[in-house]
Amino acid sequence: MTANTTTSEENLLRSGGQPQEPSTPTSDAEVGGGTPNELSEIFFVDNSRRKQSIKIQVKLCPEGVYLRRETDEDDHINEQLIRIDDIIGSRYGPRLKKRARGGLNSCRNPNVPGQEAAPEPDSDNSAYLYIYAYLKKEKPLRRVQTLRILRFRSSNDYGVNLQTAELWHLTIRKHKRGNGSSSPAECGKPLLILLNPKSGSGKGRELFQKQVAPLLTEAEVQYDLQITTHPQFAKEFVRTRRDLLERYSGIVVASGDGLFYEVLNGLMERMDWHRACRQLPLGIIPCGSGNGLAKSVAHHCNEPYEPKPILHATLTCMAGKSTPMDVVRVELAPGDKHFVMYSFLSVGWGLIADIDIESERLRSIGAQRFTLWAIKRLIGLRSYKGRVSYQLAKDRKEPPVEAAREAREVPVESDQQKRPSLPLNGGEFQDLPEEEEEEGSLDGEQFADAISLDRSVYRQHADSWHSAMSRRTAYYSVGGPSMRSNRSRMSISQRIEAANAEFAEKVPTGSIPGLQMPLPSSEGWICEDGDFVMVHAAYTTHLSSDVFFAPDSRLDDGLIYLVIIRSGVSRHQLLNFMLSLNTGTHLPIGEDPYIKVVPCRAFRIEPSSTDGILVVDGERVEYGPIQAEVMPGLINVMTTSGQ
């Protein structure tokens, strides 16, 4: 067996199998002075074909685990490196009774003929180190499951052997920390995993237990599993859980894009939304049908997706790194209503939105429903009259990449520090300030929700806390007994209004004019009127696992890619457009009179009719005027690169 073979396991026998005095592992630091940076040992593995043992030198260093195999034939040497990034965890102790990932192949002592291959557990003083890795391979891009088993038996004392195995285990964890990884196993806080049991055609629980849980065990990741019981469960859980930031190191969604949408909007309705978005990275494990975000993250990290998307996404969530990602603030005004929501994937009007929603009646046939309904819609092609406006990216006030980086690098202020108010330019966002003891202010009790004195008044730049969909209002009441009001010269109503005004500055309000306000051309707005077959805005590369919609998009580029298809386009051109979506070659090269893509930072869609379909992140919303603007780098998503 060559040292660079990508087998799932190897059982290595240390020091020829002879009991010896306790040995000190080779290292560049004394063991007593802390965990060493480098360890090196000689192991032997039994080769049944050649009836001889193979000598292997194993070296653990910050780069990973080197395995150097030397044979007697022409002194041929093979080497293999298991990169530290590819190692997800290790475990030490006695030999596992249960066969680990295919079983353990016992080794006979090559120097003692006739020895039993598998000694009884009570007579085996060896300590074992199990190293779990998933090696990244190119051409084709894939992850290869690998298990390396090191057997330490240099002493007759099991405790001494265990100490040696523990030293290797701790050194592996040290090198992973030194590589910039903040693994959930190291931070001391569990992951919050939200699982939709109805995802994956109702096999959500089974998929989690068979494909996700074993990896979390191998990586020693602690987690709290919450099973969603009804729609909006995840949103309410993250919105109302007071100890969310103190208890969890991150949030992982084991479902489709719909549950991630709930989590995002639940976070944005928290009073400490800004701190939550900074401190809690979000991960996605694609157990559902709509997996655009999971595919986009894999594409960003140059990680494999197929054929095992759940395994690959779980590895990404355990890597301990995160990357800023843009969020888009979406504002709707159907009729006399007003809603605000936060999107991470797309906004659609027209052809693709129609296919997505109307094909729901054919859900029983699976993914083929999209193909069949696309043919139906191409035969009976529709167009929608309205106005599309967009603010070009070149007119933005700051480069989107720098804006995203700035959002990532803004230091988190301590609770004792007073946060400045938020300028209404969309570049930075602030949490609500913590209450402080000051002369002329209330004691350190938090305000409670209250009914506004001007609740019925429509406000431009209104946010989700002002909307009818929200469970929270933007207004405070005065906490505590009314006798404390003599500490301030302001009346109760004045203090409520002052708190309202302060709150309005702290929530993530938009920087573009409200939906009922005109768009100034002086700020780079371009308006187009006419009949449209489709207008679809995307801010991730993939709308689903097989729709490569915006190839130039990046997670934190601060851009919205607006694809506009005008009426008059031929069905043949539309057919080519649809057939090329999976390869990302659907967009025209150069000028096209009917199809164009516009990188922008904000847009507005104003349908002329009252009948149609609008979708936000694949979910249907009420039909009417809609506008959106990008908030660069607002949240952090779990990645393997951290870039």
Foldseek 3Di string as FASTA:
>chain_A
DAPADLDAEFEWAFPLVDAADQDDFDFPDDVVVDQGQKGKGWTWGADPVVLAIWIWIWMQHLQAIKIWTFDPVVRDIDIDGQGLLFWLAKDKFADDPDADPNRDFFGDRSVDPPDDRDDDRVQDLKMKMKIWGFDFDVDPTGTRTHIYIYIFRRHSHSVSNRVVNVSVRVSSVVSLVVVVFPFQQNPPAAEEEEWECPFQVNNGVVCCVPAQVVSCVRNVGHYDYDYDDDPLSLLVCLQPPPCVLVHHQAYEYEHALVSVQSNLQSLLNHLQSQVCQQRHAYAYQYRHFFHFPLLLQCVQQVHDCPDPNRNRRSSLQRSRFWAFFKKKWKWFCDDNFIAIGIFRWKKKFFDVLCLLPVLPVVPVVPPCSSVVVSVVCLVVFDKFFFKKKFFAPVLDPDFQLVLLVCSNPDDDDDLVDFDDFADQALSYAARDHQDDDDQQDDPRDDFDADQDPPLVDDDKLDHRLSGPPDPHHLWTADDDDPVCNVSHPDDRNVVRVVSSVRSSRHRSGHNFTGPVDDHDCVSRMDMDGDIFNIKMKTQTQGLGNQFRDNVPHDRFRLKIKIKTFGPPDHSVLVVQLVVCRRVNPNADDDDDPGIDIGIGFKMKIATPDLDTFMDGSSHTDHDGIMMMGMNGSSHMHRGNPND
